[in-house]
Amino acid sequence: MPLDPSLEMAFGRLTTSQPSALRQGVRAVLDHVVALSGAMGAIVEQCDGDDLIYAVASQAFVDREGFRLRRAGSLSGLTMQSRTAQHCSDATLDRRVDRAACQALGLRSMICCPLEVGDQILVLKVMAAEPHAFDPDRLSAIMATAERLAHT
């Protein structure tokens, strides 16, 4: 999933500049990931104490920026803790997910990838409304994109 260098630069400065000034640039990165993966949305999550907060969202989820969920008992929290990508094929069956949050967002499958940016661990969450939405090629492309973004 090739990214325009200006999108990579905007994403790479998420934690080193004022987030409000970069929100549009990061949203453009997320919209690009959504378009190339066939997902319904993508979000960058940041840790805030025991919670995760949806810091920046793709256009389809912009109204969810600021949404909070508990780190414990969430796939994103597991991603942060393990620093490894986590994939959920069906949120109604996966015990690692926060089912209430998934239901509230209308998502059934997702992939969460850690983004080590500066001294922070962020999570790139790419979501779909259908179960089993991400085939191996899409999973690989999303994980490769996350790896590339983390090193911008």
Protein backbone atom coordinates (compact mmCIF):
# COMPACT_ATOMS: atom_id res chain seq x y z
CA MET A 1 0.00 0.00 0.00
CA PRO A 2 2.15 2.89 -1.15
CA LEU A 3 1.60 6.19 0.59
CA ASP A 4 2.22 9.65 -0.69
CA PRO A 5 5.34 11.01 1.11
CA SER A 6 3.40 14.05 2.35
CA LEU A 7 0.91 11.73 4.07
CA GLU A 8 3.74 9.83 5.73
CA MET A 9 5.28 13.08 6.95
CA ALA A 10 1.97 14.25 8.44
CA PHE A 11 1.53 10.96 10.24
CA GLY A 12 5.10 10.90 11.50
CA ARG A 13 4.62 14.27 13.19
CA LEU A 14 1.44 13.24 15.05
CA THR A 15 3.17 13.18 18.41
CA THR A 16 5.72 15.92 17.78
CA SER A 17 3.41 18.75 16.75
CA GLN A 18 0.02 20.04 17.72
CA PRO A 19 -2.44 17.22 16.90
CA SER A 20 -5.13 19.70 15.83
CA ALA A 21 -2.84 21.13 13.16
CA LEU A 22 -2.09 17.66 11.80
CA ARG A 23 -5.53 16.08 12.15
CA GLN A 24 -6.40 16.60 8.48
CA GLY A 25 -3.12 15.13 7.29
CA VAL A 26 -3.48 12.07 9.50
CA ARG A 27 -7.11 11.70 8.43
CA ALA A 28 -5.92 11.68 4.82
CA VAL A 29 -3.58 8.78 5.69
CA LEU A 30 -6.44 6.90 7.32
CA ASP A 31 -8.77 7.55 4.40
CA HIS A 32 -6.06 6.21 2.09
CA VAL A 33 -5.76 3.01 4.18
CA VAL A 34 -9.56 2.61 4.09
CA ALA A 35 -9.72 3.04 0.33
CA LEU A 36 -6.96 0.54 -0.33
CA SER A 37 -8.15 -2.07 2.16
CA GLY A 38 -11.88 -1.99 1.50
CA ALA A 39 -12.52 -1.27 5.20
CA MET A 40 -15.36 0.84 6.56
CA GLY A 41 -13.06 2.98 8.68
CA ALA A 42 -9.73 3.42 10.41
CA ILE A 43 -8.72 5.04 13.67
CA VAL A 44 -5.52 5.96 15.50
CA GLU A 45 -5.87 5.28 19.22
CA GLN A 46 -3.79 6.81 21.99
CA CYS A 47 -3.42 5.69 25.58
CA ASP A 48 -4.95 7.91 28.25
CA GLY A 49 -4.43 6.27 31.63
CA ASP A 50 -6.42 3.03 31.70
CA ASP A 51 -8.38 4.07 28.63
CA LEU A 52 -7.79 4.31 24.92
CA ILE A 53 -9.08 7.34 23.09
CA TYR A 54 -9.87 7.59 19.40
CA ALA A 55 -7.46 10.40 18.62
CA VAL A 56 -7.90 10.69 14.86
CA ALA A 57 -10.40 8.90 12.62
CA SER A 58 -10.99 8.41 8.94
CA GLN A 59 -13.77 10.51 7.47
CA ALA A 60 -16.43 7.83 8.05
CA PHE A 61 -15.68 7.81 11.81
CA VAL A 62 -14.80 11.46 12.40
CA ASP A 63 -17.82 11.79 14.71
CA ARG A 64 -16.24 9.10 16.94
CA GLU A 65 -13.06 11.07 17.68
CA GLY A 66 -12.81 11.25 21.45
CA PHE A 67 -14.57 7.87 21.92
CA ARG A 68 -13.08 6.06 24.90
CA LEU A 69 -12.77 2.41 25.75
CA ARG A 70 -10.96 0.51 28.46
CA ARG A 71 -7.55 -0.81 27.51
CA ALA A 72 -8.11 -3.96 29.54
CA GLY A 73 -10.36 -6.37 27.68
CA SER A 74 -9.91 -4.76 24.27
CA LEU A 75 -8.04 -5.92 21.19
CA SER A 76 -6.34 -2.53 20.99
CA GLY A 77 -5.16 -2.86 24.58
CA LEU A 78 -3.72 -6.29 23.78
CA THR A 79 -2.00 -4.78 20.74
CA MET A 80 -0.41 -2.07 22.90
CA GLN A 81 0.64 -4.57 25.56
CA SER A 82 2.10 -7.15 23.18
CA ARG A 83 3.34 -4.65 20.58
CA THR A 84 2.17 -7.08 17.91
CA ALA A 85 -0.64 -6.85 15.39
CA GLN A 86 -3.90 -8.51 16.37
CA HIS A 87 -6.62 -9.64 13.98
CA CYS A 88 -10.26 -10.33 14.82
CA SER A 89 -12.31 -12.13 12.16
CA ASP A 90 -15.63 -11.90 14.00
CA ALA A 91 -16.15 -9.64 17.01
CA THR A 92 -19.26 -11.54 18.07
CA LEU A 93 -17.13 -14.65 18.70
CA ASP A 94 -13.73 -13.29 19.77
CA ARG A 95 -13.18 -13.14 23.54
CA ARG A 96 -10.31 -10.65 23.18
CA VAL A 97 -12.53 -7.78 22.04
CA ASP A 98 -14.71 -5.32 23.89
CA ARG A 99 -17.99 -6.60 22.44
CA ALA A 100 -20.05 -3.65 23.66
CA ALA A 101 -17.71 -1.18 21.94
CA CYS A 102 -17.72 -3.27 18.75
CA GLN A 103 -21.50 -3.38 18.75
CA ALA A 104 -21.73 0.39 19.37
CA LEU A 105 -19.45 1.02 16.38
CA GLY A 106 -21.14 -1.55 14.16
CA LEU A 107 -17.96 -3.49 13.49
CA ARG A 108 -17.48 -7.23 13.09
CA SER A 109 -13.86 -7.58 12.00
CA MET A 110 -10.74 -5.54 12.59
CA ILE A 111 -7.01 -5.48 12.61
CA CYS A 112 -5.06 -3.54 15.21
CA CYS A 113 -1.42 -2.69 14.53
CA PRO A 114 1.00 -1.08 17.00
CA LEU A 115 2.62 2.16 15.93
CA GLU A 116 5.72 3.08 17.90
CA VAL A 117 5.90 6.82 17.33
CA GLY A 118 8.49 8.59 19.43
CA ASP A 119 8.06 7.41 22.99
CA GLN A 120 4.39 6.47 22.49
CA ILE A 121 2.68 3.31 21.39
CA LEU A 122 -0.34 4.15 19.26
CA VAL A 123 -2.71 1.71 17.59
CA LEU A 124 -3.88 1.78 14.00
CA LYS A 125 -7.27 0.08 13.99
CA VAL A 126 -8.80 -0.79 10.60
CA MET A 127 -12.42 -1.94 10.83
CA ALA A 128 -15.12 -3.58 8.76
CA ALA A 129 -18.83 -4.20 9.30
CA GLU A 130 -18.66 -7.72 7.87
CA PRO A 131 -17.05 -10.74 9.54
CA HIS A 132 -13.95 -12.16 7.82
CA ALA A 133 -13.50 -8.92 5.86
CA PHE A 134 -9.74 -9.02 5.56
CA ASP A 135 -8.16 -11.71 3.42
CA PRO A 136 -4.44 -12.54 3.89
CA ASP A 137 -3.36 -10.07 1.21
CA ARG A 138 -5.27 -7.19 2.83
CA LEU A 139 -3.97 -8.14 6.28
CA SER A 140 -0.40 -8.13 4.99
CA ALA A 141 -0.89 -4.79 3.24
CA ILE A 142 -2.38 -3.17 6.36
CA MET A 143 0.42 -4.49 8.58
CA ALA A 144 3.07 -3.34 6.10
CA THR A 145 1.47 0.11 6.00
CA ALA A 146 1.44 0.30 9.79
CA GLU A 147 5.09 -0.71 9.92
CA ARG A 148 5.97 1.95 7.36
CA LEU A 149 3.99 4.64 9.20
CA ALA A 150 5.64 3.79 12.50
CA HIS A 151 9.03 4.51 10.94
CA THR A 152 8.19 7.85 9.34
